PDB file of all heavy atoms in Angstrom:
ATOM      1  N   LYS A   1      31.770 -34.850 -19.395  1.00  0.00           N
ATOM      2  CA  LYS A   1      32.671 -34.024 -18.540  1.00  0.00           C
ATOM      3  C   LYS A   1      31.989 -33.802 -17.196  1.00  0.00           C
ATOM      4  O   LYS A   1      32.635 -33.908 -16.137  1.00  0.00           O
ATOM      5  CB  LYS A   1      32.990 -32.706 -19.194  1.00  0.00           C
ATOM      6  CG  LYS A   1      33.903 -32.794 -20.390  1.00  0.00           C
ATOM      7  CD  LYS A   1      35.339 -33.027 -19.931  1.00  0.00           C
ATOM      8  CE  LYS A   1      36.327 -32.986 -21.120  1.00  0.00           C
ATOM      9  NZ  LYS A   1      37.691 -33.244 -20.717  1.00  0.00           N
ATOM     10  N   MET A   2      30.713 -33.449 -17.237  1.00  0.00           N
ATOM     11  CA  MET A   2      29.990 -33.171 -16.001  1.00  0.00           C
ATOM     12  C   MET A   2      29.852 -34.436 -15.127  1.00  0.00           C
ATOM     13  O   MET A   2      29.970 -34.375 -13.903  1.00  0.00           O
ATOM     14  CB  MET A   2      28.584 -32.626 -16.313  1.00  0.00           C
ATOM     15  CG  MET A   2      28.631 -31.235 -16.939  1.00  0.00           C
ATOM     16  SD  MET A   2      26.993 -30.621 -17.375  1.00  0.00           S
ATOM     17  CE  MET A   2      26.254 -30.414 -15.744  1.00  0.00           C
ATOM     18  N   LYS A   3      29.670 -35.572 -15.771  1.00  0.00           N
ATOM     19  CA  LYS A   3      29.634 -36.844 -15.033  1.00  0.00           C
ATOM     20  C   LYS A   3      30.962 -37.113 -14.369  1.00  0.00           C
ATOM     21  O   LYS A   3      31.021 -37.577 -13.237  1.00  0.00           O
ATOM     22  CB  LYS A   3      29.258 -37.987 -16.006  1.00  0.00           C
ATOM     23  CG  LYS A   3      27.796 -38.024 -16.392  1.00  0.00           C
ATOM     24  CD  LYS A   3      27.538 -39.250 -17.257  1.00  0.00           C
ATOM     25  CE  LYS A   3      26.079 -39.316 -17.674  1.00  0.00           C
ATOM     26  NZ  LYS A   3      25.792 -40.485 -18.545  1.00  0.00           N
ATOM     27  N   ALA A   4      32.028 -36.838 -15.135  1.00  0.00           N
ATOM     28  CA  ALA A   4      33.366 -37.100 -14.582  1.00  0.00           C
ATOM     29  C   ALA A   4      33.659 -36.234 -13.371  1.00  0.00           C
ATOM     30  O   ALA A   4      34.235 -36.659 -12.362  1.00  0.00           O
ATOM     31  CB  ALA A   4      34.452 -36.851 -15.670  1.00  0.00           C
ATOM     32  N   VAL A   5      33.252 -34.938 -13.483  1.00  0.00           N
ATOM     33  CA  VAL A   5      33.421 -34.004 -12.354  1.00  0.00           C
ATOM     34  C   VAL A   5      32.572 -34.434 -11.188  1.00  0.00           C
ATOM     35  O   VAL A   5      32.975 -34.394 -10.020  1.00  0.00           O
ATOM     36  CB  VAL A   5      33.065 -32.612 -12.779  1.00  0.00           C
ATOM     37  CG1 VAL A   5      33.012 -31.652 -11.586  1.00  0.00           C
ATOM     38  CG2 VAL A   5      34.053 -32.075 -13.806  1.00  0.00           C
ATOM     39  N   ALA A   6      31.314 -34.869 -11.458  1.00  0.00           N
ATOM     40  CA  ALA A   6      30.413 -35.255 -10.390  1.00  0.00           C
ATOM     41  C   ALA A   6      30.911 -36.471  -9.615  1.00  0.00           C
ATOM     42  O   ALA A   6      30.612 -36.625  -8.448  1.00  0.00           O
ATOM     43  CB  ALA A   6      29.047 -35.551 -10.963  1.00  0.00           C
ATOM     44  N   GLU A   7      31.692 -37.331 -10.279  1.00  0.00           N
ATOM     45  CA  GLU A   7      32.225 -38.512  -9.596  1.00  0.00           C
ATOM     46  C   GLU A   7      33.425 -38.214  -8.719  1.00  0.00           C
ATOM     47  O   GLU A   7      33.931 -39.120  -8.022  1.00  0.00           O
ATOM     48  CB  GLU A   7      32.592 -39.580 -10.683  1.00  0.00           C
ATOM     49  CG  GLU A   7      31.381 -40.134 -11.394  1.00  0.00           C
ATOM     50  CD  GLU A   7      31.795 -41.033 -12.555  1.00  0.00           C
ATOM     51  OE1 GLU A   7      33.001 -41.096 -12.822  1.00  0.00           O
ATOM     52  OE2 GLU A   7      30.901 -41.602 -13.190  1.00  0.00           O
ATOM     53  N   ARG A   8      33.943 -36.963  -8.762  1.00  0.00           N
ATOM     54  CA  ARG A   8      35.129 -36.612  -7.997  1.00  0.00           C
ATOM     55  C   ARG A   8      34.749 -35.675  -6.858  1.00  0.00           C
ATOM     56  O   ARG A   8      33.740 -35.039  -6.899  1.00  0.00           O
ATOM     57  CB  ARG A   8      36.172 -35.965  -8.908  1.00  0.00           C
ATOM     58  CG  ARG A   8      36.385 -36.666 -10.234  1.00  0.00           C
ATOM     59  CD  ARG A   8      37.594 -36.175 -10.931  1.00  0.00           C
ATOM     60  NE  ARG A   8      38.851 -36.557 -10.195  1.00  0.00           N
ATOM     61  CZ  ARG A   8      40.032 -36.100 -10.536  1.00  0.00           C
ATOM     62  NH1 ARG A   8      40.143 -35.190 -11.485  1.00  0.00           N
ATOM     63  NH2 ARG A   8      41.086 -36.480  -9.849  1.00  0.00           N
ATOM     64  N   THR A   9      35.648 -35.652  -5.856  1.00  0.00           N
ATOM     65  CA  THR A   9      35.394 -34.730  -4.748  1.00  0.00           C
ATOM     66  C   THR A   9      35.778 -33.323  -5.130  1.00  0.00           C
ATOM     67  O   THR A   9      36.518 -33.085  -6.116  1.00  0.00           O
ATOM     68  CB  THR A   9      36.209 -35.166  -3.501  1.00  0.00           C
ATOM     69  OG1 THR A   9      37.625 -35.000  -3.807  1.00  0.00           O
ATOM     70  CG2 THR A   9      35.921 -36.614  -3.123  1.00  0.00           C
ATOM     71  N   PHE A  10      35.284 -32.377  -4.367  1.00  0.00           N
ATOM     72  CA  PHE A  10      35.618 -30.971  -4.621  1.00  0.00           C
ATOM     73  C   PHE A  10      37.110 -30.738  -4.492  1.00  0.00           C
ATOM     74  O   PHE A  10      37.711 -29.970  -5.289  1.00  0.00           O
ATOM     75  CB  PHE A  10      34.827 -30.068  -3.631  1.00  0.00           C
ATOM     76  CG  PHE A  10      35.127 -28.613  -3.801  1.00  0.00           C
ATOM     77  CD1 PHE A  10      34.619 -27.886  -4.892  1.00  0.00           C
ATOM     78  CD2 PHE A  10      35.923 -27.950  -2.874  1.00  0.00           C
ATOM     79  CE1 PHE A  10      34.926 -26.556  -5.045  1.00  0.00           C
ATOM     80  CE2 PHE A  10      36.194 -26.598  -3.031  1.00  0.00           C
ATOM     81  CZ  PHE A  10      35.697 -25.888  -4.110  1.00  0.00           C
ATOM     82  N   THR A  11      37.717 -31.381  -3.539  1.00  0.00           N
ATOM     83  CA  THR A  11      39.184 -31.256  -3.325  1.00  0.00           C
ATOM     84  C   THR A  11      39.936 -31.692  -4.561  1.00  0.00           C
ATOM     85  O   THR A  11      40.928 -31.074  -4.986  1.00  0.00           O
ATOM     86  CB  THR A  11      39.649 -32.040  -2.094  1.00  0.00           C
ATOM     87  OG1 THR A  11      38.925 -31.549  -0.954  1.00  0.00           O
ATOM     88  CG2 THR A  11      41.133 -31.856  -1.855  1.00  0.00           C
ATOM     89  N   GLU A  12      39.526 -32.828  -5.165  1.00  0.00           N
ATOM     90  CA  GLU A  12      40.194 -33.357  -6.349  1.00  0.00           C
ATOM     91  C   GLU A  12      40.040 -32.371  -7.534  1.00  0.00           C
ATOM     92  O   GLU A  12      40.985 -32.188  -8.294  1.00  0.00           O
ATOM     93  CB  GLU A  12      39.640 -34.718  -6.712  1.00  0.00           C
ATOM     94  CG  GLU A  12      40.001 -35.818  -5.692  1.00  0.00           C
ATOM     95  CD  GLU A  12      39.293 -37.108  -5.985  1.00  0.00           C
ATOM     96  OE1 GLU A  12      38.158 -37.079  -6.538  1.00  0.00           O
ATOM     97  OE2 GLU A  12      39.856 -38.149  -5.652  1.00  0.00           O
ATOM     98  N   VAL A  13      38.862 -31.822  -7.654  1.00  0.00           N
ATOM     99  CA  VAL A  13      38.650 -30.852  -8.750  1.00  0.00           C
ATOM    100  C   VAL A  13      39.538 -29.615  -8.598  1.00  0.00           C
ATOM    101  O   VAL A  13      40.154 -29.162  -9.543  1.00  0.00           O
ATOM    102  CB  VAL A  13      37.155 -30.457  -8.811  1.00  0.00           C
ATOM    103  CG1 VAL A  13      36.920 -29.332  -9.835  1.00  0.00           C
ATOM    104  CG2 VAL A  13      36.279 -31.656  -9.147  1.00  0.00           C
ATOM    105  N   VAL A  14      39.595 -29.085  -7.346  1.00  0.00           N
ATOM    106  CA  VAL A  14      40.445 -27.928  -7.094  1.00  0.00           C
ATOM    107  C   VAL A  14      41.897 -28.256  -7.375  1.00  0.00           C
ATOM    108  O   VAL A  14      42.644 -27.446  -7.981  1.00  0.00           O
ATOM    109  CB  VAL A  14      40.282 -27.458  -5.634  1.00  0.00           C
ATOM    110  CG1 VAL A  14      41.332 -26.395  -5.269  1.00  0.00           C
ATOM    111  CG2 VAL A  14      38.892 -26.887  -5.431  1.00  0.00           C
ATOM    112  N   TYR A  15      42.333 -29.484  -6.988  1.00  0.00           N
ATOM    113  CA  TYR A  15      43.708 -29.878  -7.271  1.00  0.00           C
ATOM    114  C   TYR A  15      44.005 -29.888  -8.744  1.00  0.00           C
ATOM    115  O   TYR A  15      45.024 -29.353  -9.185  1.00  0.00           O
ATOM    116  CB  TYR A  15      43.978 -31.280  -6.650  1.00  0.00           C
ATOM    117  CG  TYR A  15      45.385 -31.765  -6.950  1.00  0.00           C
ATOM    118  CD1 TYR A  15      46.432 -31.396  -6.165  1.00  0.00           C
ATOM    119  CD2 TYR A  15      45.627 -32.630  -8.028  1.00  0.00           C
ATOM    120  CE1 TYR A  15      47.742 -31.848  -6.456  1.00  0.00           C
ATOM    121  CE2 TYR A  15      46.882 -33.074  -8.330  1.00  0.00           C
ATOM    122  CZ  TYR A  15      47.950 -32.678  -7.512  1.00  0.00           C
ATOM    123  OH  TYR A  15      49.219 -33.110  -7.816  1.00  0.00           O
ATOM    124  N   ASP A  16      43.117 -30.490  -9.533  1.00  0.00           N
ATOM    125  CA  ASP A  16      43.344 -30.603 -10.985  1.00  0.00           C
ATOM    126  C   ASP A  16      43.285 -29.233 -11.688  1.00  0.00           C
ATOM    127  O   ASP A  16      44.051 -28.981 -12.613  1.00  0.00           O
ATOM    128  CB  ASP A  16      42.338 -31.565 -11.619  1.00  0.00           C
ATOM    129  CG  ASP A  16      42.615 -33.015 -11.229  1.00  0.00           C
ATOM    130  OD1 ASP A  16      43.772 -33.320 -10.830  1.00  0.00           O
ATOM    131  OD2 ASP A  16      41.697 -33.833 -11.335  1.00  0.00           O
ATOM    132  N   VAL A  17      42.341 -28.420 -11.259  1.00  0.00           N
ATOM    133  CA  VAL A  17      42.076 -27.168 -11.950  1.00  0.00           C
ATOM    134  C   VAL A  17      43.071 -26.071 -11.523  1.00  0.00           C
ATOM    135  O   VAL A  17      43.504 -25.273 -12.346  1.00  0.00           O
ATOM    136  CB  VAL A  17      40.624 -26.713 -11.739  1.00  0.00           C
ATOM    137  CG1 VAL A  17      40.382 -25.363 -12.374  1.00  0.00           C
ATOM    138  CG2 VAL A  17      39.680 -27.723 -12.331  1.00  0.00           C
ATOM    139  N   LEU A  18      43.404 -26.027 -10.224  1.00  0.00           N
ATOM    140  CA  LEU A  18      44.187 -24.928  -9.701  1.00  0.00           C
ATOM    141  C   LEU A  18      45.607 -25.337  -9.256  1.00  0.00           C
ATOM    142  O   LEU A  18      46.595 -24.823  -9.768  1.00  0.00           O
ATOM    143  CB  LEU A  18      43.465 -24.262  -8.538  1.00  0.00           C
ATOM    144  CG  LEU A  18      42.180 -23.510  -8.886  1.00  0.00           C
ATOM    145  CD1 LEU A  18      41.535 -22.982  -7.614  1.00  0.00           C
ATOM    146  CD2 LEU A  18      42.439 -22.360  -9.858  1.00  0.00           C
ATOM    147  N   GLN A  19      45.663 -26.282  -8.300  1.00  0.00           N
ATOM    148  CA  GLN A  19      46.977 -26.555  -7.714  1.00  0.00           C
ATOM    149  C   GLN A  19      47.969 -27.164  -8.705  1.00  0.00           C
ATOM    150  O   GLN A  19      49.101 -26.730  -8.771  1.00  0.00           O
ATOM    151  CB  GLN A  19      46.825 -27.475  -6.517  1.00  0.00           C
ATOM    152  CG  GLN A  19      48.201 -27.797  -5.865  1.00  0.00           C
ATOM    153  CD  GLN A  19      48.076 -28.521  -4.553  1.00  0.00           C
ATOM    154  OE1 GLN A  19      47.080 -28.399  -3.847  1.00  0.00           O
ATOM    155  NE2 GLN A  19      49.079 -29.318  -4.213  1.00  0.00           N
ATOM    156  N   ALA A  20      47.559 -28.183  -9.443  1.00  0.00           N
ATOM    157  CA  ALA A  20      48.484 -28.862 -10.361  1.00  0.00           C
ATOM    158  C   ALA A  20      49.101 -27.896 -11.386  1.00  0.00           C
ATOM    159  O   ALA A  20      50.319 -27.891 -11.548  1.00  0.00           O
ATOM    160  CB  ALA A  20      47.785 -30.012 -11.025  1.00  0.00           C
ATOM    161  N   PRO A  21      48.279 -27.060 -12.085  1.00  0.00           N
ATOM    162  CA  PRO A  21      48.898 -26.150 -13.044  1.00  0.00           C
ATOM    163  C   PRO A  21      49.853 -25.130 -12.360  1.00  0.00           C
ATOM    164  O   PRO A  21      50.941 -24.829 -12.878  1.00  0.00           O
ATOM    165  CB  PRO A  21      47.710 -25.429 -13.650  1.00  0.00           C
ATOM    166  CG  PRO A  21      46.557 -26.367 -13.480  1.00  0.00           C
ATOM    167  CD  PRO A  21      46.807 -27.026 -12.174  1.00  0.00           C
ATOM    168  N   LEU A  22      49.428 -24.588 -11.183  1.00  0.00           N
ATOM    169  CA  LEU A  22      50.265 -23.613 -10.486  1.00  0.00           C
ATOM    170  C   LEU A  22      51.522 -24.279  -9.977  1.00  0.00           C
ATOM    171  O   LEU A  22      52.624 -23.686 -10.005  1.00  0.00           O
ATOM    172  CB  LEU A  22      49.491 -22.982  -9.318  1.00  0.00           C
ATOM    173  CG  LEU A  22      48.381 -21.987  -9.741  1.00  0.00           C
ATOM    174  CD1 LEU A  22      47.587 -21.569  -8.503  1.00  0.00           C
ATOM    175  CD2 LEU A  22      48.962 -20.777 -10.439  1.00  0.00           C
ATOM    176  N   GLN A  23      51.423 -25.499  -9.500  1.00  0.00           N
ATOM    177  CA  GLN A  23      52.560 -26.222  -8.991  1.00  0.00           C
ATOM    178  C   GLN A  23      53.543 -26.479 -10.118  1.00  0.00           C
ATOM    179  O   GLN A  23      54.778 -26.348  -9.915  1.00  0.00           O
ATOM    180  CB  GLN A  23      52.086 -27.558  -8.378  1.00  0.00           C
ATOM    181  CG  GLN A  23      53.138 -28.233  -7.504  1.00  0.00           C
ATOM    182  CD  GLN A  23      52.562 -29.454  -6.810  1.00  0.00           C
ATOM    183  OE1 GLN A  23      51.359 -29.527  -6.500  1.00  0.00           O
ATOM    184  NE2 GLN A  23      53.400 -30.468  -6.545  1.00  0.00           N
ATOM    185  N   ASN A  24      53.073 -26.851 -11.276  1.00  0.00           N
ATOM    186  CA  ASN A  24      53.975 -27.047 -12.441  1.00  0.00           C
ATOM    187  C   ASN A  24      54.627 -25.748 -12.860  1.00  0.00           C
ATOM    188  O   ASN A  24      55.760 -25.725 -13.298  1.00  0.00           O
ATOM    189  CB  ASN A  24      53.201 -27.648 -13.610  1.00  0.00           C
ATOM    190  CG  ASN A  24      52.784 -29.078 -13.332  1.00  0.00           C
ATOM    191  OD1 ASN A  24      53.434 -29.822 -12.585  1.00  0.00           O
ATOM    192  ND2 ASN A  24      51.683 -29.513 -13.916  1.00  0.00           N
ATOM    193  N   LEU A  25      53.888 -24.634 -12.740  1.00  0.00           N
ATOM    194  CA  LEU A  25      54.460 -23.314 -13.102  1.00  0.00           C
ATOM    195  C   LEU A  25      55.590 -22.930 -12.148  1.00  0.00           C
ATOM    196  O   LEU A  25      56.592 -22.394 -12.603  1.00  0.00           O
ATOM    197  CB  LEU A  25      53.352 -22.265 -13.081  1.00  0.00           C
ATOM    198  CG  LEU A  25      53.798 -20.830 -13.451  1.00  0.00           C
ATOM    199  CD1 LEU A  25      54.332 -20.759 -14.840  1.00  0.00           C
ATOM    200  CD2 LEU A  25      52.619 -19.866 -13.274  1.00  0.00           C
ATOM    201  N   THR A  26      55.411 -23.224 -10.873  1.00  0.00           N
ATOM    202  CA  THR A  26      56.501 -22.861  -9.924  1.00  0.00           C
ATOM    203  C   THR A  26      57.753 -23.670 -10.167  1.00  0.00           C
ATOM    204  O   THR A  26      58.855 -23.206  -9.876  1.00  0.00           O
ATOM    205  CB  THR A  26      56.026 -23.077  -8.477  1.00  0.00           C
ATOM    206  OG1 THR A  26      55.686 -24.475  -8.281  1.00  0.00           O
ATOM    207  CG2 THR A  26      54.828 -22.211  -8.110  1.00  0.00           C
ATOM    208  N   ASP A  27      57.594 -24.878 -10.690  1.00  0.00           N
ATOM    209  CA  ASP A  27      58.775 -25.727 -10.918  1.00  0.00           C
ATOM    210  C   ASP A  27      59.434 -25.478 -12.260  1.00  0.00           C
ATOM    211  O   ASP A  27      59.723 -26.379 -13.019  1.00  0.00           O
ATOM    212  CB  ASP A  27      58.367 -27.194 -10.808  1.00  0.00           C
ATOM    213  CG  ASP A  27      59.584 -28.116 -10.785  1.00  0.00           C
ATOM    214  OD1 ASP A  27      60.571 -27.768 -10.122  1.00  0.00           O
ATOM    215  OD2 ASP A  27      59.560 -29.164 -11.417  1.00  0.00           O
ATOM    216  N   THR A  28      59.617 -24.224 -12.544  1.00  0.00           N
ATOM    217  CA  THR A  28      60.338 -23.808 -13.776  1.00  0.00           C
ATOM    218  C   THR A  28      61.341 -22.738 -13.390  1.00  0.00           C
ATOM    219  O   THR A  28      61.201 -22.056 -12.387  1.00  0.00           O
ATOM    220  CB  THR A  28      59.347 -23.239 -14.834  1.00  0.00           C
ATOM    221  OG1 THR A  28      58.745 -22.051 -14.305  1.00  0.00           O
ATOM    222  CG2 THR A  28      58.299 -24.247 -15.210  1.00  0.00           C
ATOM    223  N   LEU A  29      62.325 -22.554 -14.265  1.00  0.00           N
ATOM    224  CA  LEU A  29      63.331 -21.507 -14.018  1.00  0.00           C
ATOM    225  C   LEU A  29      62.673 -20.127 -14.021  1.00  0.00           C
ATOM    226  O   LEU A  29      62.926 -19.267 -13.182  1.00  0.00           O
ATOM    227  CB  LEU A  29      64.430 -21.588 -15.044  1.00  0.00           C
ATOM    228  CG  LEU A  29      65.507 -20.515 -14.983  1.00  0.00           C
ATOM    229  CD1 LEU A  29      66.210 -20.561 -13.637  1.00  0.00           C
ATOM    230  CD2 LEU A  29      66.542 -20.686 -16.083  1.00  0.00           C
ATOM    231  N   ALA A  30      61.774 -19.942 -15.015  1.00  0.00           N
ATOM    232  CA  ALA A  30      61.072 -18.622 -15.084  1.00  0.00           C
ATOM    233  C   ALA A  30      60.242 -18.400 -13.825  1.00  0.00           C
ATOM    234  O   ALA A  30      60.227 -17.291 -13.295  1.00  0.00           O
ATOM    235  CB  ALA A  30      60.179 -18.584 -16.318  1.00  0.00           C
ATOM    236  N   GLY A  31      59.560 -19.427 -13.339  1.00  0.00           N
ATOM    237  CA  GLY A  31      58.756 -19.294 -12.139  1.00  0.00           C
ATOM    238  C   GLY A  31      59.599 -18.904 -10.938  1.00  0.00           C
ATOM    239  O   GLY A  31      59.251 -18.036 -10.147  1.00  0.00           O
ATOM    240  N   ALA A  32      60.762 -19.541 -10.776  1.00  0.00           N
ATOM    241  CA  ALA A  32      61.648 -19.253  -9.654  1.00  0.00           C
ATOM    242  C   ALA A  32      62.169 -17.814  -9.720  1.00  0.00           C
ATOM    243  O   ALA A  32      62.201 -17.094  -8.728  1.00  0.00           O
ATOM    244  CB  ALA A  32      62.825 -20.256  -9.649  1.00  0.00           C
ATOM    245  N   VAL A  33      62.567 -17.392 -10.940  1.00  0.00           N
ATOM    246  CA  VAL A  33      63.111 -16.037 -11.104  1.00  0.00           C
ATOM    247  C   VAL A  33      62.015 -14.972 -10.833  1.00  0.00           C
ATOM    248  O   VAL A  33      62.285 -14.012 -10.148  1.00  0.00           O
ATOM    249  CB  VAL A  33      63.681 -15.872 -12.519  1.00  0.00           C
ATOM    250  CG1 VAL A  33      64.050 -14.416 -12.783  1.00  0.00           C
ATOM    251  CG2 VAL A  33      64.928 -16.769 -12.698  1.00  0.00           C
ATOM    252  N   ILE A  34      60.832 -15.229 -11.315  1.00  0.00           N
ATOM    253  CA  ILE A  34      59.722 -14.290 -11.090  1.00  0.00           C
ATOM    254  C   ILE A  34      59.452 -14.122  -9.605  1.00  0.00           C
ATOM    255  O   ILE A  34      59.254 -13.022  -9.093  1.00  0.00           O
ATOM    256  CB  ILE A  34      58.462 -14.728 -11.844  1.00  0.00           C
ATOM    257  CG1 ILE A  34      58.652 -14.557 -13.361  1.00  0.00           C
ATOM    258  CG2 ILE A  34      57.234 -13.931 -11.374  1.00  0.00           C
ATOM    259  CD1 ILE A  34      57.535 -15.155 -14.204  1.00  0.00           C
ATOM    260  N   ILE A  35      59.450 -15.241  -8.875  1.00  0.00           N
ATOM    261  CA  ILE A  35      59.172 -15.193  -7.433  1.00  0.00           C
ATOM    262  C   ILE A  35      60.194 -14.310  -6.721  1.00  0.00           C
ATOM    263  O   ILE A  35      59.845 -13.414  -5.960  1.00  0.00           O
ATOM    264  CB  ILE A  35      59.142 -16.582  -6.824  1.00  0.00           C
ATOM    265  CG1 ILE A  35      57.927 -17.366  -7.335  1.00  0.00           C
ATOM    266  CG2 ILE A  35      59.096 -16.508  -5.317  1.00  0.00           C
ATOM    267  CD1 ILE A  35      57.935 -18.857  -6.968  1.00  0.00           C
ATOM    268  N   VAL A  36      61.503 -14.560  -6.950  1.00  0.00           N
ATOM    269  CA  VAL A  36      62.540 -13.865  -6.197  1.00  0.00           C
ATOM    270  C   VAL A  36      62.609 -12.398  -6.655  1.00  0.00           C
ATOM    271  O   VAL A  36      62.908 -11.504  -5.822  1.00  0.00           O
ATOM    272  CB  VAL A  36      63.916 -14.537  -6.342  1.00  0.00           C
ATOM    273  CG1 VAL A  36      63.874 -15.929  -5.722  1.00  0.00           C
ATOM    274  CG2 VAL A  36      64.398 -14.616  -7.768  1.00  0.00           C
ATOM    275  N   VAL A  37      62.376 -12.126  -7.929  1.00  0.00           N
ATOM    276  CA  VAL A  37      62.400 -10.743  -8.405  1.00  0.00           C
ATOM    277  C   VAL A  37      61.243  -9.945  -7.794  1.00  0.00           C
ATOM    278  O   VAL A  37      61.444  -8.814  -7.296  1.00  0.00           O
ATOM    279  CB  VAL A  37      62.350 -10.657  -9.937  1.00  0.00           C
ATOM    280  CG1 VAL A  37      62.053  -9.269 -10.428  1.00  0.00           C
ATOM    281  CG2 VAL A  37      63.645 -11.141 -10.530  1.00  0.00           C
ATOM    282  N   LEU A  38      60.052 -10.517  -7.806  1.00  0.00           N
ATOM    283  CA  LEU A  38      58.900  -9.799  -7.203  1.00  0.00           C
ATOM    284  C   LEU A  38      59.151  -9.616  -5.701  1.00  0.00           C
ATOM    285  O   LEU A  38      58.782  -8.566  -5.164  1.00  0.00           O
ATOM    286  CB  LEU A  38      57.640 -10.651  -7.401  1.00  0.00           C
ATOM    287  CG  LEU A  38      57.046 -10.634  -8.794  1.00  0.00           C
ATOM    288  CD1 LEU A  38      55.813 -11.570  -8.862  1.00  0.00           C
ATOM    289  CD2 LEU A  38      56.615  -9.208  -9.189  1.00  0.00           C
ATOM    290  N   MET A  39      59.738 -10.566  -5.045  1.00  0.00           N
ATOM    291  CA  MET A  39      60.014 -10.467  -3.624  1.00  0.00           C
ATOM    292  C   MET A  39      60.969  -9.274  -3.336  1.00  0.00           C
ATOM    293  O   MET A  39      60.722  -8.479  -2.444  1.00  0.00           O
ATOM    294  CB  MET A  39      60.620 -11.778  -3.110  1.00  0.00           C
ATOM    295  CG  MET A  39      60.564 -11.956  -1.604  1.00  0.00           C
ATOM    296  SD  MET A  39      61.222 -13.578  -1.118  1.00  0.00           S
ATOM    297  CE  MET A  39      60.114 -14.668  -1.981  1.00  0.00           C
ATOM    298  N   SER A  40      62.003  -9.181  -4.147  1.00  0.00           N
ATOM    299  CA  SER A  40      62.979  -8.097  -3.965  1.00  0.00           C
ATOM    300  C   SER A  40      62.391  -6.722  -4.287  1.00  0.00           C
ATOM    301  O   SER A  40      62.628  -5.755  -3.573  1.00  0.00           O
ATOM    302  CB  SER A  40      64.214  -8.352  -4.854  1.00  0.00           C
ATOM    303  OG  SER A  40      64.945  -9.447  -4.398  1.00  0.00           O
ATOM    304  N   VAL A  41      61.578  -6.651  -5.359  1.00  0.00           N
ATOM    305  CA  VAL A  41      60.960  -5.417  -5.702  1.00  0.00           C
ATOM    306  C   VAL A  41      60.028  -4.933  -4.600  1.00  0.00           C
ATOM    307  O   VAL A  41      59.990  -3.734  -4.244  1.00  0.00           O
ATOM    308  CB  VAL A  41      60.185  -5.537  -7.060  1.00  0.00           C
ATOM    309  CG1 VAL A  41      59.350  -4.306  -7.309  1.00  0.00           C
ATOM    310  CG2 VAL A  41      61.158  -5.752  -8.217  1.00  0.00           C
ATOM    311  N   MET A  42      59.280  -5.881  -4.028  1.00  0.00           N
ATOM    312  CA  MET A  42      58.405  -5.504  -2.929  1.00  0.00           C
ATOM    313  C   MET A  42      59.181  -4.997  -1.727  1.00  0.00           C
ATOM    314  O   MET A  42      58.809  -3.961  -1.126  1.00  0.00           O
ATOM    315  CB  MET A  42      57.503  -6.701  -2.526  1.00  0.00           C
ATOM    316  CG  MET A  42      56.412  -7.021  -3.502  1.00  0.00           C
ATOM    317  SD  MET A  42      55.410  -8.430  -2.928  1.00  0.00           S
ATOM    318  CE  MET A  42      54.231  -8.534  -4.258  1.00  0.00           C
ATOM    319  N   TRP A  43      60.257  -5.678  -1.386  1.00  0.00           N
ATOM    320  CA  TRP A  43      61.078  -5.209  -0.265  1.00  0.00           C
ATOM    321  C   TRP A  43      61.668  -3.838  -0.576  1.00  0.00           C
ATOM    322  O   TRP A  43      61.691  -2.976   0.324  1.00  0.00           O
ATOM    323  CB  TRP A  43      62.249  -6.192  -0.014  1.00  0.00           C
ATOM    324  CG  TRP A  43      61.962  -7.262   0.974  1.00  0.00           C
ATOM    325  CD1 TRP A  43      61.931  -8.611   0.740  1.00  0.00           C
ATOM    326  CD2 TRP A  43      61.678  -7.122   2.365  1.00  0.00           C
ATOM    327  NE1 TRP A  43      61.652  -9.276   1.919  1.00  0.00           N
ATOM    328  CE2 TRP A  43      61.506  -8.384   2.940  1.00  0.00           C
ATOM    329  CE3 TRP A  43      61.615  -5.983   3.225  1.00  0.00           C
ATOM    330  CZ2 TRP A  43      61.257  -8.582   4.290  1.00  0.00           C
ATOM    331  CZ3 TRP A  43      61.371  -6.193   4.560  1.00  0.00           C
ATOM    332  CH2 TRP A  43      61.180  -7.450   5.098  1.00  0.00           C
TER     333      TRP A  43
END
């Protein structure tokens, strides 16, 4: 695992570990509803 990580750039690691999971979470009905509800509650 460490060798695999070492062969990749820091940007690629961040994408796989953080952006990809979060991006997939936003592309759900639950994710969309949570975003707009939180936005309205804050307002």
